[in-house]
């Protein structure tokens, strides 16, 4: 990969970690599981992009996509958990 591509991947890694810290700060204030799920997911995505920079073999790169899948599933789990909690509390 060329130098500009590595620079852009570094920007993506940094952005993921900054977003993770942003959600972690909101989680500390509210103790809402949705913010915790988002913080962990963006941290996983940042680690995934960082690992993809240093891997050269296609077999390893393909296995690293499982980490990305887990991050997106964690986001979906957080959204479903938030909506389920709201629905159960609204019924008398």
C-alpha atoms as a PDB file:
ATOM      1  CA  UNK A   1       0.000   0.000   0.000  1.00  0.00           C
ATOM      2  CA  UNK A   2       1.264   3.448  -0.764  1.00  0.00           C
ATOM      3  CA  UNK A   3       2.101   6.109   1.812  1.00  0.00           C
ATOM      4  CA  UNK A   4      -1.094   8.085   1.274  1.00  0.00           C
ATOM      5  CA  UNK A   5      -3.180   4.945   1.820  1.00  0.00           C
ATOM      6  CA  UNK A   6      -1.357   4.265   5.076  1.00  0.00           C
ATOM      7  CA  UNK A   7      -1.940   7.868   6.113  1.00  0.00           C
ATOM      8  CA  UNK A   8      -5.666   7.539   5.465  1.00  0.00           C
ATOM      9  CA  UNK A   9      -5.831   4.268   7.391  1.00  0.00           C
ATOM     10  CA  UNK A  10      -4.067   5.983  10.280  1.00  0.00           C
ATOM     11  CA  UNK A  11      -6.696   8.728  10.177  1.00  0.00           C
ATOM     12  CA  UNK A  12      -9.456   6.119  10.295  1.00  0.00           C
ATOM     13  CA  UNK A  13      -7.824   4.374  13.280  1.00  0.00           C
ATOM     14  CA  UNK A  14      -7.452   7.662  15.135  1.00  0.00           C
ATOM     15  CA  UNK A  15     -11.056   8.649  14.366  1.00  0.00           C
ATOM     16  CA  UNK A  16     -12.358   5.309  15.646  1.00  0.00           C
ATOM     17  CA  UNK A  17     -10.470   5.681  18.926  1.00  0.00           C
ATOM     18  CA  UNK A  18     -11.617   9.291  19.365  1.00  0.00           C
ATOM     19  CA  UNK A  19     -15.224   8.281  18.741  1.00  0.00           C
ATOM     20  CA  UNK A  20     -14.783   5.428  21.222  1.00  0.00           C
ATOM     21  CA  UNK A  21     -13.577   7.874  23.882  1.00  0.00           C
ATOM     22  CA  UNK A  22     -16.486  10.177  23.070  1.00  0.00           C
ATOM     23  CA  UNK A  23     -19.030   7.405  23.709  1.00  0.00           C
ATOM     24  CA  UNK A  24     -17.139   6.202  26.792  1.00  0.00           C
ATOM     25  CA  UNK A  25     -17.463   9.689  28.271  1.00  0.00           C
ATOM     26  CA  UNK A  26     -21.225   9.637  27.744  1.00  0.00           C
ATOM     27  CA  UNK A  27     -21.392   6.150  29.235  1.00  0.00           C
ATOM     28  CA  UNK A  28     -19.609   7.373  32.370  1.00  0.00           C
ATOM     29  CA  UNK A  29     -22.174  10.163  32.753  1.00  0.00           C
ATOM     30  CA  UNK A  30     -25.343   8.188  32.034  1.00  0.00           C
ATOM     31  CA  UNK A  31     -24.395   4.506  32.597  1.00  0.00           C
ATOM     32  CA  UNK A  32     -26.467   3.688  29.529  1.00  0.00           C
ATOM     33  CA  UNK A  33     -25.510   0.359  27.943  1.00  0.00           C
ATOM     34  CA  UNK A  34     -26.052   1.752  24.446  1.00  0.00           C
ATOM     35  CA  UNK A  35     -23.115   4.141  24.877  1.00  0.00           C
ATOM     36  CA  UNK A  36     -20.967   1.305  26.260  1.00  0.00           C
ATOM     37  CA  UNK A  37     -21.796  -0.859  23.231  1.00  0.00           C
ATOM     38  CA  UNK A  38     -20.901   1.951  20.853  1.00  0.00           C
ATOM     39  CA  UNK A  39     -17.632   2.681  22.701  1.00  0.00           C
ATOM     40  CA  UNK A  40     -16.540  -0.957  22.619  1.00  0.00           C
ATOM     41  CA  UNK A  41     -17.602  -1.322  18.980  1.00  0.00           C
ATOM     42  CA  UNK A  42     -15.610   1.671  17.788  1.00  0.00           C
ATOM     43  CA  UNK A  43     -12.593   0.486  19.773  1.00  0.00           C
ATOM     44  CA  UNK A  44     -12.880  -2.910  18.039  1.00  0.00           C
ATOM     45  CA  UNK A  45     -13.189  -1.200  14.666  1.00  0.00           C
ATOM     46  CA  UNK A  46     -10.084   0.880  15.381  1.00  0.00           C
ATOM     47  CA  UNK A  47      -8.135  -2.231  16.355  1.00  0.00           C
ATOM     48  CA  UNK A  48      -9.391  -3.974  13.226  1.00  0.00           C
ATOM     49  CA  UNK A  49      -8.208  -1.165  10.942  1.00  0.00           C
ATOM     50  CA  UNK A  50      -4.876  -1.053  12.789  1.00  0.00           C
ATOM     51  CA  UNK A  51      -4.383  -4.797  12.351  1.00  0.00           C
ATOM     52  CA  UNK A  52      -5.297  -4.587   8.657  1.00  0.00           C
ATOM     53  CA  UNK A  53      -2.461  -2.112   8.106  1.00  0.00           C
ATOM     54  CA  UNK A  54       0.143  -4.572   9.357  1.00  0.00           C
ATOM     55  CA  UNK A  55      -1.124  -7.785   7.758  1.00  0.00           C
ATOM     56  CA  UNK A  56       0.010  -8.826   4.324  1.00  0.00           C
ATOM     57  CA  UNK A  57      -1.507 -12.295   3.849  1.00  0.00           C
ATOM     58  CA  UNK A  58      -5.054 -12.592   2.545  1.00  0.00           C
ATOM     59  CA  UNK A  59      -5.946 -15.428   4.944  1.00  0.00           C
ATOM     60  CA  UNK A  60      -5.251 -13.243   7.962  1.00  0.00           C
ATOM     61  CA  UNK A  61      -7.007 -10.248   6.427  1.00  0.00           C
ATOM     62  CA  UNK A  62     -10.128 -12.341   5.811  1.00  0.00           C
ATOM     63  CA  UNK A  63     -10.148 -13.583   9.408  1.00  0.00           C
ATOM     64  CA  UNK A  64      -9.879 -10.002  10.666  1.00  0.00           C
ATOM     65  CA  UNK A  65     -13.225  -9.185   9.079  1.00  0.00           C
ATOM     66  CA  UNK A  66     -14.804 -11.312  11.810  1.00  0.00           C
ATOM     67  CA  UNK A  67     -13.741  -8.598  14.271  1.00  0.00           C
ATOM     68  CA  UNK A  68     -15.598  -6.033  12.179  1.00  0.00           C
ATOM     69  CA  UNK A  69     -18.647  -8.287  12.109  1.00  0.00           C
ATOM     70  CA  UNK A  70     -18.551  -8.564  15.913  1.00  0.00           C
ATOM     71  CA  UNK A  71     -18.361  -4.788  16.233  1.00  0.00           C
ATOM     72  CA  UNK A  72     -21.432  -4.282  14.043  1.00  0.00           C
ATOM     73  CA  UNK A  73     -23.318  -7.035  15.865  1.00  0.00           C
ATOM     74  CA  UNK A  74     -22.503  -5.329  19.157  1.00  0.00           C
ATOM     75  CA  UNK A  75     -23.957  -2.078  17.815  1.00  0.00           C
ATOM     76  CA  UNK A  76     -27.117  -3.914  16.765  1.00  0.00           C
ATOM     77  CA  UNK A  77     -27.309  -5.612  20.152  1.00  0.00           C
ATOM     78  CA  UNK A  78     -27.059  -2.247  21.892  1.00  0.00           C
ATOM     79  CA  UNK A  79     -29.822  -0.763  19.738  1.00  0.00           C
ATOM     80  CA  UNK A  80     -32.114  -3.748  20.280  1.00  0.00           C
ATOM     81  CA  UNK A  81     -31.407  -3.697  24.023  1.00  0.00           C
ATOM     82  CA  UNK A  82     -32.199   0.014  24.225  1.00  0.00           C
ATOM     83  CA  UNK A  83     -35.490  -0.381  22.345  1.00  0.00           C
ATOM     84  CA  UNK A  84     -36.480  -3.490  24.300  1.00  0.00           C
ATOM     85  CA  UNK A  85     -35.867  -1.724  27.608  1.00  0.00           C
ATOM     86  CA  UNK A  86     -38.015   1.211  26.494  1.00  0.00           C
ATOM     87  CA  UNK A  87     -40.894  -1.034  25.380  1.00  0.00           C
ATOM     88  CA  UNK A  88     -41.021  -3.121  28.562  1.00  0.00           C
ATOM     89  CA  UNK A  89     -41.041  -0.039  30.795  1.00  0.00           C
ATOM     90  CA  UNK A  90     -43.901   1.634  28.882  1.00  0.00           C
ATOM     91  CA  UNK A  91     -46.454  -1.138  29.449  1.00  0.00           C
ATOM     92  CA  UNK A  92     -48.515  -0.972  32.672  1.00  0.00           C
END
